[in-house]
């Protein structure tokens, strides 16, 4: 399935949460902190008011409760507004 974001929207793929600690202990799903970083998969064209400052391939941080979750080919993705992105991770 191919999804192209419109206007000031960005399609991102969520980063996987760690399931083990460095010492090998398994972290149960209920105890895992949901990651708020993702890789940019597709970017909309922007609007007259909102300039797109991320590009495909960037790793970003976003607000915890923002965006619309969806599954593409069995993998978790998120569609965010440009304003929900708080940083580019390098």
PDB file of N, CA and C in Angstrom:
ATOM      1  N   UNK A   1       0.829  -1.163   0.000  1.00  0.00           N
ATOM      2  CA  UNK A   1       0.000   0.000   0.000  1.00  0.00           C
ATOM      3  C   UNK A   1       0.886   1.243   0.000  1.00  0.00           C
ATOM      4  N   UNK A   2       0.546   2.234  -0.806  1.00  0.00           N
ATOM      5  CA  UNK A   2       1.315   3.473  -0.849  1.00  0.00           C
ATOM      6  C   UNK A   2       0.445   4.613  -0.333  1.00  0.00           C
ATOM      7  N   UNK A   3       0.977   5.375   0.619  1.00  0.00           N
ATOM      8  CA  UNK A   3       0.257   6.509   1.189  1.00  0.00           C
ATOM      9  C   UNK A   3       1.102   7.753   0.981  1.00  0.00           C
ATOM     10  N   UNK A   4       0.468   8.793   0.432  1.00  0.00           N
ATOM     11  CA  UNK A   4       1.135  10.067   0.223  1.00  0.00           C
ATOM     12  C   UNK A   4       0.455  11.111   1.104  1.00  0.00           C
ATOM     13  N   UNK A   5       1.168  11.692   2.070  1.00  0.00           N
ATOM     14  CA  UNK A   5       0.564  12.705   2.927  1.00  0.00           C
ATOM     15  C   UNK A   5       0.249  13.977   2.140  1.00  0.00           C
ATOM     16  N   UNK A   6      -0.790  14.669   2.556  1.00  0.00           N
ATOM     17  CA  UNK A   6      -1.191  15.917   1.919  1.00  0.00           C
ATOM     18  C   UNK A   6      -0.844  17.108   2.805  1.00  0.00           C
ATOM     19  N   UNK A   7      -0.731  18.269   2.189  1.00  0.00           N
ATOM     20  CA  UNK A   7      -0.519  19.551   2.873  1.00  0.00           C
ATOM     21  C   UNK A   7       0.656  19.483   3.845  1.00  0.00           C
ATOM     22  N   UNK A   8       0.398  19.751   5.134  1.00  0.00           N
ATOM     23  CA  UNK A   8       1.482  19.809   6.127  1.00  0.00           C
ATOM     24  C   UNK A   8       1.583  18.530   6.953  1.00  0.00           C
ATOM     25  N   UNK A   9       1.287  17.384   6.333  1.00  0.00           N
ATOM     26  CA  UNK A   9       1.334  16.096   7.029  1.00  0.00           C
ATOM     27  C   UNK A   9       2.620  15.338   6.689  1.00  0.00           C
ATOM     28  N   UNK A  10       3.042  14.471   7.624  1.00  0.00           N
ATOM     29  CA  UNK A  10       4.256  13.670   7.469  1.00  0.00           C
ATOM     30  C   UNK A  10       3.921  12.235   7.857  1.00  0.00           C
ATOM     31  N   UNK A  11       4.304  11.268   7.016  1.00  0.00           N
ATOM     32  CA  UNK A  11       4.145   9.845   7.318  1.00  0.00           C
ATOM     33  C   UNK A  11       5.450   9.348   7.916  1.00  0.00           C
ATOM     34  N   UNK A  12       5.367   8.743   9.112  1.00  0.00           N
ATOM     35  CA  UNK A  12       6.564   8.243   9.789  1.00  0.00           C
ATOM     36  C   UNK A  12       6.362   6.801  10.199  1.00  0.00           C
ATOM     37  N   UNK A  13       7.475   6.078  10.343  1.00  0.00           N
ATOM     38  CA  UNK A  13       7.463   4.702  10.835  1.00  0.00           C
ATOM     39  C   UNK A  13       8.042   4.722  12.241  1.00  0.00           C
ATOM     40  N   UNK A  14       7.263   4.224  13.198  1.00  0.00           N
ATOM     41  CA  UNK A  14       7.686   4.227  14.599  1.00  0.00           C
ATOM     42  C   UNK A  14       8.943   3.396  14.797  1.00  0.00           C
ATOM     43  N   UNK A  15       9.840   3.884  15.662  1.00  0.00           N
ATOM     44  CA  UNK A  15      11.006   3.100  16.068  1.00  0.00           C
ATOM     45  C   UNK A  15      10.546   2.009  17.012  1.00  0.00           C
ATOM     46  N   UNK A  16      11.221   0.878  16.990  1.00  0.00           N
ATOM     47  CA  UNK A  16      10.895  -0.243  17.867  1.00  0.00           C
ATOM     48  C   UNK A  16      11.353   0.060  19.292  1.00  0.00           C
ATOM     49  N   UNK A  17      10.511  -0.271  20.267  1.00  0.00           N
ATOM     50  CA  UNK A  17      10.881  -0.124  21.674  1.00  0.00           C
ATOM     51  C   UNK A  17      11.781  -1.292  22.065  1.00  0.00           C
ATOM     52  N   UNK A  18      12.742  -1.026  22.929  1.00  0.00           N
ATOM     53  CA  UNK A  18      13.641  -2.076  23.409  1.00  0.00           C
ATOM     54  C   UNK A  18      12.856  -3.069  24.259  1.00  0.00           C
ATOM     55  N   UNK A  19      13.072  -4.352  24.032  1.00  0.00           N
ATOM     56  CA  UNK A  19      12.375  -5.383  24.814  1.00  0.00           C
ATOM     57  C   UNK A  19      13.288  -6.041  25.828  1.00  0.00           C
ATOM     58  N   UNK A  20      14.584  -5.722  25.782  1.00  0.00           N
ATOM     59  CA  UNK A  20      15.547  -6.269  26.745  1.00  0.00           C
ATOM     60  C   UNK A  20      16.436  -5.155  27.261  1.00  0.00           C
ATOM     61  N   UNK A  21      16.869  -5.302  28.502  1.00  0.00           N
ATOM     62  CA  UNK A  21      17.843  -4.366  29.057  1.00  0.00           C
ATOM     63  C   UNK A  21      19.235  -4.794  28.614  1.00  0.00           C
ATOM     64  N   UNK A  22      20.225  -3.971  28.909  1.00  0.00           N
ATOM     65  CA  UNK A  22      21.606  -4.291  28.543  1.00  0.00           C
ATOM     66  C   UNK A  22      22.081  -5.572  29.232  1.00  0.00           C
ATOM     67  N   UNK A  23      21.535  -5.855  30.414  1.00  0.00           N
ATOM     68  CA  UNK A  23      21.944  -7.062  31.139  1.00  0.00           C
ATOM     69  C   UNK A  23      21.144  -8.294  30.743  1.00  0.00           C
ATOM     70  N   UNK A  24      20.170  -8.143  29.822  1.00  0.00           N
ATOM     71  CA  UNK A  24      19.434  -9.293  29.321  1.00  0.00           C
ATOM     72  C   UNK A  24      18.061  -9.506  29.921  1.00  0.00           C
ATOM     73  N   UNK A  25      17.631  -8.619  30.837  1.00  0.00           N
ATOM     74  CA  UNK A  25      16.290  -8.756  31.412  1.00  0.00           C
ATOM     75  C   UNK A  25      15.244  -8.368  30.374  1.00  0.00           C
ATOM     76  N   UNK A  26      14.159  -9.137  30.305  1.00  0.00           N
ATOM     77  CA  UNK A  26      13.084  -8.859  29.357  1.00  0.00           C
ATOM     78  C   UNK A  26      12.119  -7.857  29.979  1.00  0.00           C
ATOM     79  N   UNK A  27      11.796  -6.808  29.229  1.00  0.00           N
ATOM     80  CA  UNK A  27      10.868  -5.778  29.690  1.00  0.00           C
ATOM     81  C   UNK A  27       9.476  -6.107  29.159  1.00  0.00           C
ATOM     82  N   UNK A  28       8.492  -6.332  30.048  1.00  0.00           N
ATOM     83  CA  UNK A  28       7.138  -6.634  29.563  1.00  0.00           C
ATOM     84  C   UNK A  28       6.519  -5.425  28.871  1.00  0.00           C
ATOM     85  N   UNK A  29       5.571  -5.671  27.935  1.00  0.00           N
ATOM     86  CA  UNK A  29       4.936  -4.591  27.183  1.00  0.00           C
ATOM     87  C   UNK A  29       4.338  -3.527  28.095  1.00  0.00           C
ATOM     88  N   UNK A  30       3.721  -3.923  29.196  1.00  0.00           N
ATOM     89  CA  UNK A  30       3.069  -2.975  30.096  1.00  0.00           C
ATOM     90  C   UNK A  30       4.067  -2.015  30.748  1.00  0.00           C
ATOM     91  N   UNK A  31       5.321  -2.416  30.885  1.00  0.00           N
ATOM     92  CA  UNK A  31       6.323  -1.592  31.553  1.00  0.00           C
ATOM     93  C   UNK A  31       7.159  -0.757  30.581  1.00  0.00           C
ATOM     94  N   UNK A  32       6.992  -0.976  29.289  1.00  0.00           N
ATOM     95  CA  UNK A  32       7.809  -0.253  28.314  1.00  0.00           C
ATOM     96  C   UNK A  32       7.293   1.164  28.132  1.00  0.00           C
ATOM     97  N   UNK A  33       8.202   2.099  28.093  1.00  0.00           N
ATOM     98  CA  UNK A  33       7.862   3.477  27.769  1.00  0.00           C
ATOM     99  C   UNK A  33       7.729   3.561  26.260  1.00  0.00           C
ATOM    100  N   UNK A  34       6.610   4.053  25.791  1.00  0.00           N
ATOM    101  CA  UNK A  34       6.382   4.142  24.352  1.00  0.00           C
ATOM    102  C   UNK A  34       7.355   5.160  23.761  1.00  0.00           C
ATOM    103  N   UNK A  35       8.095   4.732  22.772  1.00  0.00           N
ATOM    104  CA  UNK A  35       9.064   5.619  22.135  1.00  0.00           C
ATOM    105  C   UNK A  35       8.369   6.736  21.375  1.00  0.00           C
ATOM    106  N   UNK A  36       8.987   7.879  21.317  1.00  0.00           N
ATOM    107  CA  UNK A  36       8.425   9.007  20.594  1.00  0.00           C
ATOM    108  C   UNK A  36       9.369   9.448  19.486  1.00  0.00           C
ATOM    109  N   UNK A  37      10.087   8.493  18.915  1.00  0.00           N
ATOM    110  CA  UNK A  37      10.945   8.777  17.785  1.00  0.00           C
ATOM    111  C   UNK A  37      10.509   7.922  16.611  1.00  0.00           C
ATOM    112  N   UNK A  38      10.788   8.410  15.415  1.00  0.00           N
ATOM    113  CA  UNK A  38      10.352   7.700  14.218  1.00  0.00           C
ATOM    114  C   UNK A  38      11.210   8.142  13.036  1.00  0.00           C
ATOM    115  N   UNK A  39      11.109   7.372  11.947  1.00  0.00           N
ATOM    116  CA  UNK A  39      11.804   7.693  10.704  1.00  0.00           C
ATOM    117  C   UNK A  39      10.779   8.221   9.700  1.00  0.00           C
ATOM    118  N   UNK A  40      11.109   9.321   9.029  1.00  0.00           N
ATOM    119  CA  UNK A  40      10.209   9.931   8.058  1.00  0.00           C
ATOM    120  C   UNK A  40      10.187   9.080   6.787  1.00  0.00           C
ATOM    121  N   UNK A  41       8.980   8.671   6.365  1.00  0.00           N
ATOM    122  CA  UNK A  41       8.785   7.843   5.184  1.00  0.00           C
ATOM    123  C   UNK A  41       8.325   8.675   3.992  1.00  0.00           C
ATOM    124  N   UNK A  42       7.434   9.644   4.233  1.00  0.00           N
ATOM    125  CA  UNK A  42       6.922  10.500   3.166  1.00  0.00           C
ATOM    126  C   UNK A  42       6.536  11.850   3.753  1.00  0.00           C
ATOM    127  N   UNK A  43       6.619  12.900   2.930  1.00  0.00           N
ATOM    128  CA  UNK A  43       6.351  14.263   3.381  1.00  0.00           C
ATOM    129  C   UNK A  43       5.386  14.932   2.415  1.00  0.00           C
ATOM    130  N   UNK A  44       4.392  15.655   2.962  1.00  0.00           N
ATOM    131  CA  UNK A  44       3.482  16.439   2.142  1.00  0.00           C
ATOM    132  C   UNK A  44       4.190  17.659   1.561  1.00  0.00           C
ATOM    133  N   UNK A  45       3.476  18.416   0.734  1.00  0.00           N
ATOM    134  CA  UNK A  45       4.070  19.575   0.063  1.00  0.00           C
ATOM    135  C   UNK A  45       4.153  20.806   0.944  1.00  0.00           C
ATOM    136  N   UNK A  46       3.453  20.817   2.070  1.00  0.00           N
ATOM    137  CA  UNK A  46       3.408  21.997   2.925  1.00  0.00           C
ATOM    138  C   UNK A  46       2.277  22.910   2.496  1.00  0.00           C
ATOM    139  N   UNK A  47       2.122  24.017   3.212  1.00  0.00           N
ATOM    140  CA  UNK A  47       1.096  25.003   2.875  1.00  0.00           C
ATOM    141  C   UNK A  47       1.749  26.366   2.811  1.00  0.00           C
ATOM    142  N   UNK A  48       0.941  27.382   2.505  1.00  0.00           N
ATOM    143  CA  UNK A  48       1.476  28.748   2.471  1.00  0.00           C
ATOM    144  C   UNK A  48       1.952  29.180   3.856  1.00  0.00           C
ATOM    145  N   UNK A  49       1.329  28.650   4.904  1.00  0.00           N
ATOM    146  CA  UNK A  49       1.678  29.024   6.270  1.00  0.00           C
ATOM    147  C   UNK A  49       2.700  28.102   6.923  1.00  0.00           C
ATOM    148  N   UNK A  50       2.774  26.842   6.462  1.00  0.00           N
ATOM    149  CA  UNK A  50       3.649  25.849   7.103  1.00  0.00           C
ATOM    150  C   UNK A  50       4.672  25.334   6.099  1.00  0.00           C
ATOM    151  N   UNK A  51       5.956  25.652   6.366  1.00  0.00           N
ATOM    152  CA  UNK A  51       7.055  25.167   5.522  1.00  0.00           C
ATOM    153  C   UNK A  51       7.517  23.808   6.070  1.00  0.00           C
ATOM    154  N   UNK A  52       7.712  22.845   5.191  1.00  0.00           N
ATOM    155  CA  UNK A  52       8.146  21.518   5.611  1.00  0.00           C
ATOM    156  C   UNK A  52       9.656  21.558   5.884  1.00  0.00           C
ATOM    157  N   UNK A  53      10.037  21.239   7.121  1.00  0.00           N
ATOM    158  CA  UNK A  53      11.455  21.307   7.485  1.00  0.00           C
ATOM    159  C   UNK A  53      12.070  19.931   7.710  1.00  0.00           C
ATOM    160  N   UNK A  54      11.340  18.872   7.366  1.00  0.00           N
ATOM    161  CA  UNK A  54      11.892  17.522   7.424  1.00  0.00           C
ATOM    162  C   UNK A  54      11.860  16.921   6.027  1.00  0.00           C
ATOM    163  N   UNK A  55      12.689  15.892   5.830  1.00  0.00           N
ATOM    164  CA  UNK A  55      12.725  15.225   4.523  1.00  0.00           C
ATOM    165  C   UNK A  55      12.703  13.711   4.751  1.00  0.00           C
ATOM    166  N   UNK A  56      12.438  12.974   3.715  1.00  0.00           N
ATOM    167  CA  UNK A  56      12.399  11.521   3.789  1.00  0.00           C
ATOM    168  C   UNK A  56      13.749  11.010   4.296  1.00  0.00           C
ATOM    169  N   UNK A  57      13.703  10.103   5.267  1.00  0.00           N
ATOM    170  CA  UNK A  57      14.921   9.526   5.839  1.00  0.00           C
ATOM    171  C   UNK A  57      15.328  10.148   7.162  1.00  0.00           C
ATOM    172  N   UNK A  58      14.816  11.340   7.498  1.00  0.00           N
ATOM    173  CA  UNK A  58      15.136  11.974   8.783  1.00  0.00           C
ATOM    174  C   UNK A  58      14.570  11.148   9.928  1.00  0.00           C
ATOM    175  N   UNK A  59      15.254  11.163  11.081  1.00  0.00           N
ATOM    176  CA  UNK A  59      14.698  10.604  12.321  1.00  0.00           C
ATOM    177  C   UNK A  59      14.207  11.784  13.130  1.00  0.00           C
ATOM    178  N   UNK A  60      12.990  11.682  13.649  1.00  0.00           N
ATOM    179  CA  UNK A  60      12.375  12.808  14.342  1.00  0.00           C
ATOM    180  C   UNK A  60      11.852  12.398  15.713  1.00  0.00           C
ATOM    181  N   UNK A  61      11.640  13.396  16.562  1.00  0.00           N
ATOM    182  CA  UNK A  61      10.923  13.221  17.820  1.00  0.00           C
ATOM    183  C   UNK A  61       9.603  13.958  17.667  1.00  0.00           C
ATOM    184  N   UNK A  62       8.531  13.384  18.262  1.00  0.00           N
ATOM    185  CA  UNK A  62       7.217  14.010  18.131  1.00  0.00           C
ATOM    186  C   UNK A  62       6.478  13.982  19.464  1.00  0.00           C
ATOM    187  N   UNK A  63       5.443  14.819  19.572  1.00  0.00           N
ATOM    188  CA  UNK A  63       4.629  14.864  20.780  1.00  0.00           C
ATOM    189  C   UNK A  63       3.995  13.508  21.037  1.00  0.00           C
ATOM    190  N   UNK A  64       3.918  13.098  22.298  1.00  0.00           N
ATOM    191  CA  UNK A  64       3.506  11.756  22.684  1.00  0.00           C
ATOM    192  C   UNK A  64       2.114  11.363  22.196  1.00  0.00           C
ATOM    193  N   UNK A  65       1.140  12.234  22.282  1.00  0.00           N
ATOM    194  CA  UNK A  65      -0.239  11.866  21.951  1.00  0.00           C
ATOM    195  C   UNK A  65      -0.703  12.444  20.622  1.00  0.00           C
ATOM    196  N   UNK A  66       0.191  12.704  19.715  1.00  0.00           N
ATOM    197  CA  UNK A  66      -0.187  13.329  18.446  1.00  0.00           C
ATOM    198  C   UNK A  66      -0.278  12.305  17.323  1.00  0.00           C
ATOM    199  N   UNK A  67      -0.920  12.713  16.258  1.00  0.00           N
ATOM    200  CA  UNK A  67      -0.959  11.912  15.049  1.00  0.00           C
ATOM    201  C   UNK A  67      -2.066  10.882  14.994  1.00  0.00           C
ATOM    202  N   UNK A  68      -2.155  10.246  13.830  1.00  0.00           N
ATOM    203  CA  UNK A  68      -3.117   9.183  13.561  1.00  0.00           C
ATOM    204  C   UNK A  68      -2.345   7.914  13.287  1.00  0.00           C
ATOM    205  N   UNK A  69      -2.611   6.870  14.086  1.00  0.00           N
ATOM    206  CA  UNK A  69      -1.895   5.606  13.924  1.00  0.00           C
ATOM    207  C   UNK A  69      -2.525   4.781  12.815  1.00  0.00           C
ATOM    208  N   UNK A  70      -1.682   4.076  12.060  1.00  0.00           N
ATOM    209  CA  UNK A  70      -2.162   3.158  11.040  1.00  0.00           C
ATOM    210  C   UNK A  70      -1.141   2.064  10.820  1.00  0.00           C
ATOM    211  N   UNK A  71      -1.593   0.962  10.236  1.00  0.00           N
ATOM    212  CA  UNK A  71      -0.693  -0.150   9.902  1.00  0.00           C
ATOM    213  C   UNK A  71      -0.570  -0.212   8.386  1.00  0.00           C
ATOM    214  N   UNK A  72       0.665  -0.289   7.919  1.00  0.00           N
ATOM    215  CA  UNK A  72       0.941  -0.445   6.498  1.00  0.00           C
ATOM    216  C   UNK A  72       1.772  -1.706   6.357  1.00  0.00           C
ATOM    217  N   UNK A  73       1.250  -2.675   5.636  1.00  0.00           N
ATOM    218  CA  UNK A  73       1.918  -3.963   5.454  1.00  0.00           C
ATOM    219  C   UNK A  73       2.321  -4.584   6.787  1.00  0.00           C
ATOM    220  N   UNK A  74       1.457  -4.461   7.810  1.00  0.00           N
ATOM    221  CA  UNK A  74       1.692  -5.073   9.108  1.00  0.00           C
ATOM    222  C   UNK A  74       2.623  -4.319  10.034  1.00  0.00           C
ATOM    223  N   UNK A  75       3.095  -3.129   9.640  1.00  0.00           N
ATOM    224  CA  UNK A  75       4.010  -2.353  10.474  1.00  0.00           C
ATOM    225  C   UNK A  75       3.334  -1.061  10.923  1.00  0.00           C
ATOM    226  N   UNK A  76       3.640  -0.637  12.168  1.00  0.00           N
ATOM    227  CA  UNK A  76       3.046   0.569  12.737  1.00  0.00           C
ATOM    228  C   UNK A  76       3.627   1.829  12.103  1.00  0.00           C
ATOM    229  N   UNK A  77       2.739   2.717  11.691  1.00  0.00           N
ATOM    230  CA  UNK A  77       3.103   4.017  11.141  1.00  0.00           C
ATOM    231  C   UNK A  77       2.232   5.077  11.800  1.00  0.00           C
ATOM    232  N   UNK A  78       2.568   6.331  11.554  1.00  0.00           N
ATOM    233  CA  UNK A  78       1.845   7.450  12.136  1.00  0.00           C
ATOM    234  C   UNK A  78       1.819   8.576  11.109  1.00  0.00           C
ATOM    235  N   UNK A  79       0.690   9.254  11.002  1.00  0.00           N
ATOM    236  CA  UNK A  79       0.625  10.465  10.181  1.00  0.00           C
ATOM    237  C   UNK A  79       0.545  11.636  11.148  1.00  0.00           C
ATOM    238  N   UNK A  80       1.530  12.532  11.062  1.00  0.00           N
ATOM    239  CA  UNK A  80       1.648  13.678  11.954  1.00  0.00           C
ATOM    240  C   UNK A  80       1.476  14.978  11.187  1.00  0.00           C
ATOM    241  N   UNK A  81       1.064  16.021  11.893  1.00  0.00           N
ATOM    242  CA  UNK A  81       1.142  17.367  11.343  1.00  0.00           C
ATOM    243  C   UNK A  81       2.564  17.867  11.580  1.00  0.00           C
ATOM    244  N   UNK A  82       3.031  18.736  10.718  1.00  0.00           N
ATOM    245  CA  UNK A  82       4.390  19.278  10.863  1.00  0.00           C
ATOM    246  C   UNK A  82       4.569  19.933  12.237  1.00  0.00           C
ATOM    247  N   UNK A  83       3.531  20.561  12.756  1.00  0.00           N
ATOM    248  CA  UNK A  83       3.620  21.239  14.059  1.00  0.00           C
ATOM    249  C   UNK A  83       3.797  20.271  15.232  1.00  0.00           C
ATOM    250  N   UNK A  84       3.473  18.974  15.031  1.00  0.00           N
ATOM    251  CA  UNK A  84       3.633  17.981  16.104  1.00  0.00           C
ATOM    252  C   UNK A  84       5.061  17.475  16.217  1.00  0.00           C
ATOM    253  N   UNK A  85       5.887  17.745  15.209  1.00  0.00           N
ATOM    254  CA  UNK A  85       7.282  17.311  15.233  1.00  0.00           C
ATOM    255  C   UNK A  85       8.086  18.313  16.033  1.00  0.00           C
ATOM    256  N   UNK A  86       8.816  17.817  17.058  1.00  0.00           N
ATOM    257  CA  UNK A  86       9.517  18.735  17.955  1.00  0.00           C
ATOM    258  C   UNK A  86      11.026  18.781  17.728  1.00  0.00           C
ATOM    259  N   UNK A  87      11.593  17.774  17.024  1.00  0.00           N
ATOM    260  CA  UNK A  87      13.040  17.787  16.808  1.00  0.00           C
ATOM    261  C   UNK A  87      13.432  16.800  15.713  1.00  0.00           C
ATOM    262  N   UNK A  88      14.574  17.081  15.093  1.00  0.00           N
ATOM    263  CA  UNK A  88      15.215  16.138  14.189  1.00  0.00           C
ATOM    264  C   UNK A  88      16.369  15.519  14.958  1.00  0.00           C
ATOM    265  N   UNK A  89      16.442  14.181  14.994  1.00  0.00           N
ATOM    266  CA  UNK A  89      17.470  13.477  15.748  1.00  0.00           C
ATOM    267  C   UNK A  89      18.603  13.113  14.799  1.00  0.00           C
ATOM    268  N   UNK A  90      19.831  13.468  15.176  1.00  0.00           N
ATOM    269  CA  UNK A  90      20.989  13.147  14.328  1.00  0.00           C
ATOM    270  C   UNK A  90      21.900  12.176  15.037  1.00  0.00           C
TER     271      UNK A  90
END
